[in-house]
Amino acid sequence: MAYEAEVDLDVLKAFEEFNKTTPTILKIYPSGDLYMEDFWKAGGGVPRILENLQTILDTDVLTCTGKSMIENINSYRYTFPPNDEIIRKPDNPFSPTGGYSCYAREFSPRYGHQQASSNP
């Protein structure tokens, strides 16, 4: 998208940097034994991920709802209670780093590939 929008951004380098500083707090198939339904029932899916990672996110950004991310996080009403063994907190991650690797420069200078992690 950055390339098509003519934004001067090294996307692969950005992903590599985020990968180094973002903990793995969820492991769903193929990296783990759980599926998307488990992720949702583990306490709320993506909204719970955002809540758990809010200390490393820019939560002041405006979202497509017209509200800031922090307003959305604070107003979300969960259907299921949290399960910290499925969606973990950043201080107790499955791994202190992210679960994706970018391969590109050898294959193509403008495009990349993300590979899901098999971190134990």
PDB file of N, CA and C in Angstrom:
ATOM      1  N   MET A   1       0.819  -1.181   0.000  1.00  0.00           N
ATOM      2  CA  MET A   1       0.000   0.000   0.000  1.00  0.00           C
ATOM      3  C   MET A   1       0.866   1.249   0.000  1.00  0.00           C
ATOM      4  N   ALA A   2       1.965   1.207   0.790  1.00  0.00           N
ATOM      5  CA  ALA A   2       2.843   2.381   0.832  1.00  0.00           C
ATOM      6  C   ALA A   2       3.430   2.658  -0.545  1.00  0.00           C
ATOM      7  N   TYR A   3       3.798   1.610  -1.245  1.00  0.00           N
ATOM      8  CA  TYR A   3       4.367   1.780  -2.584  1.00  0.00           C
ATOM      9  C   TYR A   3       3.344   2.415  -3.522  1.00  0.00           C
ATOM     10  N   GLU A   4       2.117   1.879  -3.518  1.00  0.00           N
ATOM     11  CA  GLU A   4       1.076   2.400  -4.404  1.00  0.00           C
ATOM     12  C   GLU A   4       0.693   3.835  -4.050  1.00  0.00           C
ATOM     13  N   ALA A   5       0.763   4.189  -2.773  1.00  0.00           N
ATOM     14  CA  ALA A   5       0.447   5.552  -2.338  1.00  0.00           C
ATOM     15  C   ALA A   5       1.641   6.490  -2.487  1.00  0.00           C
ATOM     16  N   GLU A   6       2.756   5.942  -2.992  1.00  0.00           N
ATOM     17  CA  GLU A   6       3.989   6.698  -3.186  1.00  0.00           C
ATOM     18  C   GLU A   6       4.493   7.322  -1.889  1.00  0.00           C
ATOM     19  N   VAL A   7       4.347   6.556  -0.789  1.00  0.00           N
ATOM     20  CA  VAL A   7       4.850   6.968   0.514  1.00  0.00           C
ATOM     21  C   VAL A   7       6.261   6.403   0.657  1.00  0.00           C
ATOM     22  N   ASP A   8       7.196   7.235   1.049  1.00  0.00           N
ATOM     23  CA  ASP A   8       8.576   6.808   1.216  1.00  0.00           C
ATOM     24  C   ASP A   8       8.704   6.072   2.560  1.00  0.00           C
ATOM     25  N   LEU A   9       8.444   4.786   2.527  1.00  0.00           N
ATOM     26  CA  LEU A   9       8.471   3.977   3.736  1.00  0.00           C
ATOM     27  C   LEU A   9       9.031   2.612   3.395  1.00  0.00           C
ATOM     28  N   ASP A  10      10.044   2.185   4.118  1.00  0.00           N
ATOM     29  CA  ASP A  10      10.576   0.840   3.956  1.00  0.00           C
ATOM     30  C   ASP A  10       9.718  -0.083   4.820  1.00  0.00           C
ATOM     31  N   VAL A  11       8.684  -0.623   4.221  1.00  0.00           N
ATOM     32  CA  VAL A  11       7.691  -1.415   4.944  1.00  0.00           C
ATOM     33  C   VAL A  11       8.325  -2.644   5.587  1.00  0.00           C
ATOM     34  N   LEU A  12       9.191  -3.317   4.860  1.00  0.00           N
ATOM     35  CA  LEU A  12       9.816  -4.516   5.408  1.00  0.00           C
ATOM     36  C   LEU A  12      10.680  -4.198   6.617  1.00  0.00           C
ATOM     37  N   LYS A  13      11.405  -3.092   6.549  1.00  0.00           N
ATOM     38  CA  LYS A  13      12.211  -2.678   7.700  1.00  0.00           C
ATOM     39  C   LYS A  13      11.309  -2.326   8.887  1.00  0.00           C
ATOM     40  N   ALA A  14      10.187  -1.655   8.612  1.00  0.00           N
ATOM     41  CA  ALA A  14       9.245  -1.312   9.684  1.00  0.00           C
ATOM     42  C   ALA A  14       8.703  -2.577  10.344  1.00  0.00           C
ATOM     43  N   PHE A  15       8.327  -3.578   9.530  1.00  0.00           N
ATOM     44  CA  PHE A  15       7.842  -4.837  10.100  1.00  0.00           C
ATOM     45  C   PHE A  15       8.924  -5.513  10.934  1.00  0.00           C
ATOM     46  N   GLU A  16      10.152  -5.487  10.446  1.00  0.00           N
ATOM     47  CA  GLU A  16      11.253  -6.094  11.202  1.00  0.00           C
ATOM     48  C   GLU A  16      11.426  -5.415  12.547  1.00  0.00           C
ATOM     49  N   GLU A  17      11.330  -4.079  12.581  1.00  0.00           N
ATOM     50  CA  GLU A  17      11.473  -3.340  13.835  1.00  0.00           C
ATOM     51  C   GLU A  17      10.309  -3.618  14.787  1.00  0.00           C
ATOM     52  N   PHE A  18       9.079  -3.600  14.262  1.00  0.00           N
ATOM     53  CA  PHE A  18       7.912  -3.902  15.109  1.00  0.00           C
ATOM     54  C   PHE A  18       8.003  -5.315  15.663  1.00  0.00           C
ATOM     55  N   ASN A  19       8.496  -6.237  14.856  1.00  0.00           N
ATOM     56  CA  ASN A  19       8.630  -7.624  15.275  1.00  0.00           C
ATOM     57  C   ASN A  19       9.562  -7.758  16.478  1.00  0.00           C
ATOM     58  N   LYS A  20      10.596  -6.913  16.533  1.00  0.00           N
ATOM     59  CA  LYS A  20      11.563  -6.966  17.623  1.00  0.00           C
ATOM     60  C   LYS A  20      11.001  -6.410  18.929  1.00  0.00           C
ATOM     61  N   THR A  21      10.005  -5.528  18.852  1.00  0.00           N
ATOM     62  CA  THR A  21       9.517  -4.832  20.045  1.00  0.00           C
ATOM     63  C   THR A  21       8.098  -5.194  20.448  1.00  0.00           C
ATOM     64  N   THR A  22       7.446  -6.078  19.700  1.00  0.00           N
ATOM     65  CA  THR A  22       6.060  -6.446  20.001  1.00  0.00           C
ATOM     66  C   THR A  22       6.010  -7.893  20.483  1.00  0.00           C
ATOM     67  N   PRO A  23       5.553  -8.124  21.699  1.00  0.00           N
ATOM     68  CA  PRO A  23       5.518  -9.492  22.218  1.00  0.00           C
ATOM     69  C   PRO A  23       4.423 -10.332  21.558  1.00  0.00           C
ATOM     70  N   THR A  24       4.647 -11.626  21.523  1.00  0.00           N
ATOM     71  CA  THR A  24       3.637 -12.566  21.049  1.00  0.00           C
ATOM     72  C   THR A  24       2.732 -12.900  22.232  1.00  0.00           C
ATOM     73  N   ILE A  25       1.483 -12.399  22.201  1.00  0.00           N
ATOM     74  CA  ILE A  25       0.570 -12.620  23.319  1.00  0.00           C
ATOM     75  C   ILE A  25      -0.575 -13.565  22.953  1.00  0.00           C
ATOM     76  N   LEU A  26      -0.565 -14.083  21.727  1.00  0.00           N
ATOM     77  CA  LEU A  26      -1.601 -15.005  21.265  1.00  0.00           C
ATOM     78  C   LEU A  26      -0.973 -15.992  20.304  1.00  0.00           C
ATOM     79  N   LYS A  27      -1.351 -17.258  20.430  1.00  0.00           N
ATOM     80  CA  LYS A  27      -0.855 -18.271  19.501  1.00  0.00           C
ATOM     81  C   LYS A  27      -2.043 -19.075  18.997  1.00  0.00           C
ATOM     82  N   ILE A  28      -2.483 -18.770  17.793  1.00  0.00           N
ATOM     83  CA  ILE A  28      -3.555 -19.529  17.171  1.00  0.00           C
ATOM     84  C   ILE A  28      -2.984 -20.287  15.978  1.00  0.00           C
ATOM     85  N   TYR A  29      -3.729 -21.248  15.502  1.00  0.00           N
ATOM     86  CA  TYR A  29      -3.291 -22.081  14.404  1.00  0.00           C
ATOM     87  C   TYR A  29      -2.843 -21.220  13.230  1.00  0.00           C
ATOM     88  N   PRO A  30      -1.688 -21.467  12.597  1.00  0.00           N
ATOM     89  CA  PRO A  30      -0.834 -22.648  12.663  1.00  0.00           C
ATOM     90  C   PRO A  30       0.278 -22.585  13.702  1.00  0.00           C
ATOM     91  N   SER A  31       0.444 -21.467  14.408  1.00  0.00           N
ATOM     92  CA  SER A  31       1.508 -21.364  15.408  1.00  0.00           C
ATOM     93  C   SER A  31       1.142 -22.008  16.738  1.00  0.00           C
ATOM     94  N   GLY A  32      -0.130 -22.196  16.984  1.00  0.00           N
ATOM     95  CA  GLY A  32      -0.591 -22.783  18.237  1.00  0.00           C
ATOM     96  C   GLY A  32      -1.689 -23.788  17.982  1.00  0.00           C
ATOM     97  N   ASP A  33      -2.251 -24.300  19.067  1.00  0.00           N
ATOM     98  CA  ASP A  33      -3.284 -25.330  18.975  1.00  0.00           C
ATOM     99  C   ASP A  33      -4.702 -24.770  18.929  1.00  0.00           C
ATOM    100  N   LEU A  34      -4.856 -23.471  19.083  1.00  0.00           N
ATOM    101  CA  LEU A  34      -6.173 -22.862  19.158  1.00  0.00           C
ATOM    102  C   LEU A  34      -6.610 -22.293  17.810  1.00  0.00           C
ATOM    103  N   TYR A  35      -7.922 -22.134  17.651  1.00  0.00           N
ATOM    104  CA  TYR A  35      -8.492 -21.613  16.412  1.00  0.00           C
ATOM    105  C   TYR A  35      -9.144 -20.256  16.668  1.00  0.00           C
ATOM    106  N   MET A  36      -9.618 -19.621  15.602  1.00  0.00           N
ATOM    107  CA  MET A  36     -10.212 -18.283  15.714  1.00  0.00           C
ATOM    108  C   MET A  36     -11.376 -18.238  16.704  1.00  0.00           C
ATOM    109  N   GLU A  37     -12.196 -19.272  16.749  1.00  0.00           N
ATOM    110  CA  GLU A  37     -13.307 -19.288  17.703  1.00  0.00           C
ATOM    111  C   GLU A  37     -12.790 -19.248  19.138  1.00  0.00           C
ATOM    112  N   ASP A  38     -11.697 -19.962  19.402  1.00  0.00           N
ATOM    113  CA  ASP A  38     -11.091 -19.933  20.736  1.00  0.00           C
ATOM    114  C   ASP A  38     -10.579 -18.533  21.056  1.00  0.00           C
ATOM    115  N   PHE A  39      -9.989 -17.888  20.052  1.00  0.00           N
ATOM    116  CA  PHE A  39      -9.488 -16.522  20.203  1.00  0.00           C
ATOM    117  C   PHE A  39     -10.619 -15.582  20.612  1.00  0.00           C
ATOM    118  N   TRP A  40     -11.763 -15.696  19.963  1.00  0.00           N
ATOM    119  CA  TRP A  40     -12.922 -14.863  20.281  1.00  0.00           C
ATOM    120  C   TRP A  40     -13.443 -15.183  21.679  1.00  0.00           C
ATOM    121  N   LYS A  41     -13.613 -16.465  21.970  1.00  0.00           N
ATOM    122  CA  LYS A  41     -14.161 -16.866  23.272  1.00  0.00           C
ATOM    123  C   LYS A  41     -13.157 -16.713  24.406  1.00  0.00           C
ATOM    124  N   ALA A  42     -11.907 -16.464  24.069  1.00  0.00           N
ATOM    125  CA  ALA A  42     -10.878 -16.273  25.097  1.00  0.00           C
ATOM    126  C   ALA A  42     -10.964 -14.906  25.744  1.00  0.00           C
ATOM    127  N   GLY A  43     -11.930 -14.160  25.373  1.00  0.00           N
ATOM    128  CA  GLY A  43     -12.073 -12.888  26.041  1.00  0.00           C
ATOM    129  C   GLY A  43     -12.298 -11.714  25.142  1.00  0.00           C
ATOM    130  N   GLY A  44     -12.597 -11.941  23.875  1.00  0.00           N
ATOM    131  CA  GLY A  44     -12.972 -10.814  23.060  1.00  0.00           C
ATOM    132  C   GLY A  44     -12.206 -10.581  21.785  1.00  0.00           C
ATOM    133  N   GLY A  45     -11.306 -11.465  21.412  1.00  0.00           N
ATOM    134  CA  GLY A  45     -10.629 -11.338  20.132  1.00  0.00           C
ATOM    135  C   GLY A  45      -9.778 -10.092  20.010  1.00  0.00           C
ATOM    136  N   VAL A  46      -9.862  -9.428  18.862  1.00  0.00           N
ATOM    137  CA  VAL A  46      -9.028  -8.262  18.562  1.00  0.00           C
ATOM    138  C   VAL A  46      -9.189  -7.146  19.591  1.00  0.00           C
ATOM    139  N   PRO A  47     -10.398  -6.825  20.053  1.00  0.00           N
ATOM    140  CA  PRO A  47     -10.490  -5.778  21.081  1.00  0.00           C
ATOM    141  C   PRO A  47      -9.654  -6.085  22.335  1.00  0.00           C
ATOM    142  N   ARG A  48      -9.591  -7.359  22.737  1.00  0.00           N
ATOM    143  CA  ARG A  48      -8.784  -7.722  23.913  1.00  0.00           C
ATOM    144  C   ARG A  48      -7.294  -7.578  23.593  1.00  0.00           C
ATOM    145  N   ILE A  49      -6.900  -7.916  22.373  1.00  0.00           N
ATOM    146  CA  ILE A  49      -5.500  -7.729  21.964  1.00  0.00           C
ATOM    147  C   ILE A  49      -5.130  -6.249  22.057  1.00  0.00           C
ATOM    148  N   LEU A  50      -5.984  -5.389  21.520  1.00  0.00           N
ATOM    149  CA  LEU A  50      -5.720  -3.943  21.579  1.00  0.00           C
ATOM    150  C   LEU A  50      -5.636  -3.459  23.021  1.00  0.00           C
ATOM    151  N   GLU A  51      -6.544  -3.943  23.859  1.00  0.00           N
ATOM    152  CA  GLU A  51      -6.520  -3.556  25.274  1.00  0.00           C
ATOM    153  C   GLU A  51      -5.212  -3.991  25.928  1.00  0.00           C
ATOM    154  N   ASN A  52      -4.805  -5.233  25.671  1.00  0.00           N
ATOM    155  CA  ASN A  52      -3.588  -5.746  26.301  1.00  0.00           C
ATOM    156  C   ASN A  52      -2.323  -5.063  25.792  1.00  0.00           C
ATOM    157  N   LEU A  53      -2.325  -4.618  24.547  1.00  0.00           N
ATOM    158  CA  LEU A  53      -1.133  -3.987  23.964  1.00  0.00           C
ATOM    159  C   LEU A  53      -1.181  -2.459  23.984  1.00  0.00           C
ATOM    160  N   GLN A  54      -2.162  -1.869  24.647  1.00  0.00           N
ATOM    161  CA  GLN A  54      -2.330  -0.420  24.562  1.00  0.00           C
ATOM    162  C   GLN A  54      -1.129   0.370  25.050  1.00  0.00           C
ATOM    163  N   THR A  55      -0.297  -0.210  25.912  1.00  0.00           N
ATOM    164  CA  THR A  55       0.880   0.527  26.395  1.00  0.00           C
ATOM    165  C   THR A  55       1.929   0.719  25.303  1.00  0.00           C
ATOM    166  N   ILE A  56       1.874  -0.080  24.230  1.00  0.00           N
ATOM    167  CA  ILE A  56       2.848   0.087  23.152  1.00  0.00           C
ATOM    168  C   ILE A  56       2.209   0.626  21.873  1.00  0.00           C
ATOM    169  N   LEU A  57       0.933   0.942  21.932  1.00  0.00           N
ATOM    170  CA  LEU A  57       0.219   1.482  20.774  1.00  0.00           C
ATOM    171  C   LEU A  57       0.003   2.984  20.930  1.00  0.00           C
ATOM    172  N   ASP A  58      -0.144   3.671  19.824  1.00  0.00           N
ATOM    173  CA  ASP A  58      -0.518   5.082  19.846  1.00  0.00           C
ATOM    174  C   ASP A  58      -2.050   5.100  19.900  1.00  0.00           C
ATOM    175  N   THR A  59      -2.577   5.140  21.095  1.00  0.00           N
ATOM    176  CA  THR A  59      -4.030   5.030  21.276  1.00  0.00           C
ATOM    177  C   THR A  59      -4.777   6.337  21.058  1.00  0.00           C
ATOM    178  N   ASP A  60      -4.055   7.408  20.748  1.00  0.00           N
ATOM    179  CA  ASP A  60      -4.707   8.684  20.449  1.00  0.00           C
ATOM    180  C   ASP A  60      -5.143   8.789  18.992  1.00  0.00           C
ATOM    181  N   VAL A  61      -4.735   7.821  18.156  1.00  0.00           N
ATOM    182  CA  VAL A  61      -5.075   7.899  16.733  1.00  0.00           C
ATOM    183  C   VAL A  61      -6.586   7.802  16.535  1.00  0.00           C
ATOM    184  N   LEU A  62      -7.044   8.506  15.517  1.00  0.00           N
ATOM    185  CA  LEU A  62      -8.460   8.472  15.162  1.00  0.00           C
ATOM    186  C   LEU A  62      -8.728   7.205  14.361  1.00  0.00           C
ATOM    187  N   THR A  63      -9.811   6.515  14.661  1.00  0.00           N
ATOM    188  CA  THR A  63     -10.160   5.283  13.961  1.00  0.00           C
ATOM    189  C   THR A  63     -11.340   5.528  13.022  1.00  0.00           C
ATOM    190  N   CYS A  64     -11.730   4.492  12.287  1.00  0.00           N
ATOM    191  CA  CYS A  64     -12.842   4.621  11.340  1.00  0.00           C
ATOM    192  C   CYS A  64     -14.182   4.829  12.047  1.00  0.00           C
ATOM    193  N   THR A  65     -14.233   4.654  13.367  1.00  0.00           N
ATOM    194  CA  THR A  65     -15.464   4.906  14.113  1.00  0.00           C
ATOM    195  C   THR A  65     -15.670   6.391  14.385  1.00  0.00           C
ATOM    196  N   GLY A  66     -14.610   7.182  14.129  1.00  0.00           N
ATOM    197  CA  GLY A  66     -14.668   8.608  14.446  1.00  0.00           C
ATOM    198  C   GLY A  66     -14.190   8.887  15.861  1.00  0.00           C
ATOM    199  N   LYS A  67     -13.834   7.848  16.596  1.00  0.00           N
ATOM    200  CA  LYS A  67     -13.316   7.975  17.959  1.00  0.00           C
ATOM    201  C   LYS A  67     -11.856   7.559  17.966  1.00  0.00           C
ATOM    202  N   SER A  68     -11.157   7.936  19.037  1.00  0.00           N
ATOM    203  CA  SER A  68      -9.766   7.501  19.174  1.00  0.00           C
ATOM    204  C   SER A  68      -9.733   6.019  19.545  1.00  0.00           C
ATOM    205  N   MET A  69      -8.572   5.407  19.342  1.00  0.00           N
ATOM    206  CA  MET A  69      -8.439   3.997  19.695  1.00  0.00           C
ATOM    207  C   MET A  69      -8.710   3.778  21.182  1.00  0.00           C
ATOM    208  N   ILE A  70      -8.216   4.670  22.038  1.00  0.00           N
ATOM    209  CA  ILE A  70      -8.429   4.492  23.479  1.00  0.00           C
ATOM    210  C   ILE A  70      -9.906   4.617  23.840  1.00  0.00           C
ATOM    211  N   GLU A  71     -10.638   5.502  23.146  1.00  0.00           N
ATOM    212  CA  GLU A  71     -12.089   5.597  23.390  1.00  0.00           C
ATOM    213  C   GLU A  71     -12.775   4.291  23.008  1.00  0.00           C
ATOM    214  N   ASN A  72     -12.361   3.699  21.885  1.00  0.00           N
ATOM    215  CA  ASN A  72     -12.939   2.419  21.470  1.00  0.00           C
ATOM    216  C   ASN A  72     -12.598   1.312  22.459  1.00  0.00           C
ATOM    217  N   ILE A  73     -11.350   1.279  22.913  1.00  0.00           N
ATOM    218  CA  ILE A  73     -10.934   0.255  23.884  1.00  0.00           C
ATOM    219  C   ILE A  73     -11.750   0.389  25.166  1.00  0.00           C
ATOM    220  N   ASN A  74     -11.872   1.608  25.661  1.00  0.00           N
ATOM    221  CA  ASN A  74     -12.577   1.826  26.931  1.00  0.00           C
ATOM    222  C   ASN A  74     -14.087   1.602  26.850  1.00  0.00           C
ATOM    223  N   SER A  75     -14.665   1.760  25.660  1.00  0.00           N
ATOM    224  CA  SER A  75     -16.119   1.607  25.549  1.00  0.00           C
ATOM    225  C   SER A  75     -16.555   0.210  25.095  1.00  0.00           C
ATOM    226  N   TYR A  76     -15.600  -0.647  24.720  1.00  0.00           N
ATOM    227  CA  TYR A  76     -15.971  -1.975  24.224  1.00  0.00           C
ATOM    228  C   TYR A  76     -16.548  -2.829  25.355  1.00  0.00           C
ATOM    229  N   ARG A  77     -17.633  -3.514  25.077  1.00  0.00           N
ATOM    230  CA  ARG A  77     -18.280  -4.414  26.048  1.00  0.00           C
ATOM    231  C   ARG A  77     -18.062  -5.847  25.592  1.00  0.00           C
ATOM    232  N   TYR A  78     -17.310  -6.593  26.372  1.00  0.00           N
ATOM    233  CA  TYR A  78     -16.945  -7.966  26.022  1.00  0.00           C
ATOM    234  C   TYR A  78     -18.076  -8.948  26.280  1.00  0.00           C
ATOM    235  N   THR A  79     -18.167  -9.963  25.412  1.00  0.00           N
ATOM    236  CA  THR A  79     -19.153 -11.027  25.565  1.00  0.00           C
ATOM    237  C   THR A  79     -18.647 -12.101  26.514  1.00  0.00           C
ATOM    238  N   PHE A  80     -17.335 -12.301  26.519  1.00  0.00           N
ATOM    239  CA  PHE A  80     -16.711 -13.357  27.315  1.00  0.00           C
ATOM    240  C   PHE A  80     -15.697 -12.747  28.279  1.00  0.00           C
ATOM    241  N   PRO A  81     -15.493 -13.396  29.434  1.00  0.00           N
ATOM    242  CA  PRO A  81     -14.486 -12.894  30.373  1.00  0.00           C
ATOM    243  C   PRO A  81     -13.078 -13.149  29.827  1.00  0.00           C
ATOM    244  N   PRO A  82     -12.077 -12.413  30.318  1.00  0.00           N
ATOM    245  CA  PRO A  82     -10.711 -12.623  29.830  1.00  0.00           C
ATOM    246  C   PRO A  82     -10.167 -13.984  30.227  1.00  0.00           C
ATOM    247  N   ASN A  83      -9.297 -14.517  29.394  1.00  0.00           N
ATOM    248  CA  ASN A  83      -8.576 -15.747  29.687  1.00  0.00           C
ATOM    249  C   ASN A  83      -7.107 -15.456  29.413  1.00  0.00           C
ATOM    250  N   ASP A  84      -6.353 -15.169  30.470  1.00  0.00           N
ATOM    251  CA  ASP A  84      -4.967 -14.747  30.331  1.00  0.00           C
ATOM    252  C   ASP A  84      -4.023 -15.854  29.878  1.00  0.00           C
ATOM    253  N   GLU A  85      -4.500 -17.080  29.809  1.00  0.00           N
ATOM    254  CA  GLU A  85      -3.665 -18.159  29.275  1.00  0.00           C
ATOM    255  C   GLU A  85      -3.793 -18.267  27.763  1.00  0.00           C
ATOM    256  N   ILE A  86      -4.833 -17.696  27.193  1.00  0.00           N
ATOM    257  CA  ILE A  86      -4.998 -17.720  25.740  1.00  0.00           C
ATOM    258  C   ILE A  86      -4.552 -16.394  25.143  1.00  0.00           C
ATOM    259  N   ILE A  87      -5.099 -15.298  25.639  1.00  0.00           N
ATOM    260  CA  ILE A  87      -4.632 -13.963  25.236  1.00  0.00           C
ATOM    261  C   ILE A  87      -3.860 -13.416  26.436  1.00  0.00           C
ATOM    262  N   ARG A  88      -2.562 -13.451  26.331  1.00  0.00           N
ATOM    263  CA  ARG A  88      -1.710 -13.081  27.457  1.00  0.00           C
ATOM    264  C   ARG A  88      -1.462 -11.587  27.538  1.00  0.00           C
ATOM    265  N   LYS A  89      -0.968 -11.169  28.684  1.00  0.00           N
ATOM    266  CA  LYS A  89      -0.552  -9.780  28.909  1.00  0.00           C
ATOM    267  C   LYS A  89       0.887  -9.627  28.405  1.00  0.00           C
ATOM    268  N   PRO A  90       1.295  -8.429  28.017  1.00  0.00           N
ATOM    269  CA  PRO A  90       2.660  -8.228  27.530  1.00  0.00           C
ATOM    270  C   PRO A  90       3.750  -8.595  28.533  1.00  0.00           C
ATOM    271  N   ASP A  91       3.440  -8.556  29.832  1.00  0.00           N
ATOM    272  CA  ASP A  91       4.457  -8.922  30.820  1.00  0.00           C
ATOM    273  C   ASP A  91       4.565 -10.437  31.030  1.00  0.00           C
ATOM    274  N   ASN A  92       3.742 -11.225  30.327  1.00  0.00           N
ATOM    275  CA  ASN A  92       3.796 -12.686  30.391  1.00  0.00           C
ATOM    276  C   ASN A  92       3.530 -13.266  28.990  1.00  0.00           C
ATOM    277  N   PRO A  93       4.330 -12.859  27.997  1.00  0.00           N
ATOM    278  CA  PRO A  93       4.050 -13.273  26.617  1.00  0.00           C
ATOM    279  C   PRO A  93       4.493 -14.710  26.347  1.00  0.00           C
ATOM    280  N   PHE A  94       4.017 -15.248  25.241  1.00  0.00           N
ATOM    281  CA  PHE A  94       4.533 -16.521  24.759  1.00  0.00           C
ATOM    282  C   PHE A  94       5.983 -16.340  24.323  1.00  0.00           C
ATOM    283  N   SER A  95       6.268 -15.161  23.759  1.00  0.00           N
ATOM    284  CA  SER A  95       7.606 -14.797  23.308  1.00  0.00           C
ATOM    285  C   SER A  95       7.738 -13.284  23.434  1.00  0.00           C
ATOM    286  N   PRO A  96       8.921 -12.785  23.813  1.00  0.00           N
ATOM    287  CA  PRO A  96       9.082 -11.332  23.941  1.00  0.00           C
ATOM    288  C   PRO A  96       9.117 -10.590  22.607  1.00  0.00           C
ATOM    289  N   THR A  97       9.215 -11.333  21.514  1.00  0.00           N
ATOM    290  CA  THR A  97       9.222 -10.720  20.196  1.00  0.00           C
ATOM    291  C   THR A  97       8.055 -11.245  19.377  1.00  0.00           C
ATOM    292  N   GLY A  98       7.834 -10.599  18.234  1.00  0.00           N
ATOM    293  CA  GLY A  98       6.713 -10.961  17.380  1.00  0.00           C
ATOM    294  C   GLY A  98       6.869 -12.304  16.700  1.00  0.00           C
ATOM    295  N   GLY A  99       5.827 -12.699  15.975  1.00  0.00           N
ATOM    296  CA  GLY A  99       5.786 -14.010  15.364  1.00  0.00           C
ATOM    297  C   GLY A  99       5.843 -14.018  13.853  1.00  0.00           C
ATOM    298  N   TYR A 100       6.364 -12.964  13.241  1.00  0.00           N
ATOM    299  CA  TYR A 100       6.452 -12.913  11.784  1.00  0.00           C
ATOM    300  C   TYR A 100       7.868 -12.593  11.362  1.00  0.00           C
ATOM    301  N   SER A 101       8.244 -13.134  10.242  1.00  0.00           N
ATOM    302  CA  SER A 101       9.528 -12.818   9.632  1.00  0.00           C
ATOM    303  C   SER A 101       9.265 -12.301   8.231  1.00  0.00           C
ATOM    304  N   CYS A 102      10.056 -11.348   7.806  1.00  0.00           N
ATOM    305  CA  CYS A 102       9.919 -10.806   6.448  1.00  0.00           C
ATOM    306  C   CYS A 102      11.109 -11.249   5.620  1.00  0.00           C
ATOM    307  N   TYR A 103      10.786 -11.845   4.505  1.00  0.00           N
ATOM    308  CA  TYR A 103      11.817 -12.244   3.545  1.00  0.00           C
ATOM    309  C   TYR A 103      11.567 -11.447   2.290  1.00  0.00           C
ATOM    310  N   ALA A 104      12.583 -10.810   1.775  1.00  0.00           N
ATOM    311  CA  ALA A 104      12.291 -10.033   0.582  1.00  0.00           C
ATOM    312  C   ALA A 104      13.505  -9.693  -0.247  1.00  0.00           C
ATOM    313  N   ARG A 105      14.425  -9.003   0.314  1.00  0.00           N
ATOM    314  CA  ARG A 105      15.446  -8.343  -0.473  1.00  0.00           C
ATOM    315  C   ARG A 105      16.137  -9.268  -1.470  1.00  0.00           C
ATOM    316  N   GLU A 106      16.309 -10.547  -1.131  1.00  0.00           N
ATOM    317  CA  GLU A 106      16.928 -11.460  -2.075  1.00  0.00           C
ATOM    318  C   GLU A 106      15.983 -11.787  -3.227  1.00  0.00           C
ATOM    319  N   PHE A 107      14.688 -11.813  -2.933  1.00  0.00           N
ATOM    320  CA  PHE A 107      13.705 -12.241  -3.918  1.00  0.00           C
ATOM    321  C   PHE A 107      13.191 -11.092  -4.782  1.00  0.00           C
ATOM    322  N   SER A 108      12.956  -9.970  -4.155  1.00  0.00           N
ATOM    323  CA  SER A 108      12.407  -8.830  -4.868  1.00  0.00           C
ATOM    324  C   SER A 108      12.664  -7.577  -4.042  1.00  0.00           C
ATOM    325  N   PRO A 109      13.188  -6.532  -4.630  1.00  0.00           N
ATOM    326  CA  PRO A 109      13.505  -5.337  -3.846  1.00  0.00           C
ATOM    327  C   PRO A 109      12.286  -4.555  -3.357  1.00  0.00           C
ATOM    328  N   ARG A 110      11.110  -4.760  -3.971  1.00  0.00           N
ATOM    329  CA  ARG A 110       9.939  -3.957  -3.598  1.00  0.00           C
ATOM    330  C   ARG A 110       8.875  -4.736  -2.847  1.00  0.00           C
ATOM    331  N   TYR A 111       8.959  -6.034  -2.827  1.00  0.00           N
ATOM    332  CA  TYR A 111       7.884  -6.835  -2.239  1.00  0.00           C
ATOM    333  C   TYR A 111       8.451  -7.792  -1.212  1.00  0.00           C
ATOM    334  N   GLY A 112       7.624  -8.237  -0.325  1.00  0.00           N
ATOM    335  CA  GLY A 112       8.080  -9.142   0.711  1.00  0.00           C
ATOM    336  C   GLY A 112       7.077 -10.237   0.992  1.00  0.00           C
ATOM    337  N   HIS A 113       7.476 -11.100   1.869  1.00  0.00           N
ATOM    338  CA  HIS A 113       6.641 -12.227   2.271  1.00  0.00           C
ATOM    339  C   HIS A 113       6.710 -12.313   3.791  1.00  0.00           C
ATOM    340  N   GLN A 114       5.577 -12.551   4.391  1.00  0.00           N
ATOM    341  CA  GLN A 114       5.556 -12.746   5.843  1.00  0.00           C
ATOM    342  C   GLN A 114       5.315 -14.209   6.117  1.00  0.00           C
ATOM    343  N   GLN A 115       6.071 -14.737   7.036  1.00  0.00           N
ATOM    344  CA  GLN A 115       5.939 -16.135   7.399  1.00  0.00           C
ATOM    345  C   GLN A 115       5.493 -16.211   8.856  1.00  0.00           C
ATOM    346  N   ALA A 116       4.398 -16.917   9.081  1.00  0.00           N
ATOM    347  CA  ALA A 116       3.926 -17.098  10.461  1.00  0.00           C
ATOM    348  C   ALA A 116       4.979 -17.861  11.249  1.00  0.00           C
ATOM    349  N   SER A 117       5.123 -17.484  12.486  1.00  0.00           N
ATOM    350  CA  SER A 117       6.140 -18.076  13.343  1.00  0.00           C
ATOM    351  C   SER A 117       5.777 -19.478  13.773  1.00  0.00           C
ATOM    352  N   SER A 118       6.804 -20.211  14.077  1.00  0.00           N
ATOM    353  CA  SER A 118       6.586 -21.500  14.712  1.00  0.00           C
ATOM    354  C   SER A 118       7.281 -21.489  16.066  1.00  0.00           C
ATOM    355  N   ASN A 119       7.318 -20.289  16.693  1.00  0.00           N
ATOM    356  CA  ASN A 119       7.914 -20.178  18.026  1.00  0.00           C
ATOM    357  C   ASN A 119       7.204 -21.134  18.968  1.00  0.00           C
ATOM    358  N   PRO A 120       7.978 -21.857  19.767  1.00  0.00           N
ATOM    359  CA  PRO A 120       7.323 -22.783  20.712  1.00  0.00           C
ATOM    360  C   PRO A 120       6.555 -22.039  21.790  1.00  0.00           C
TER     361      PRO A 120
END
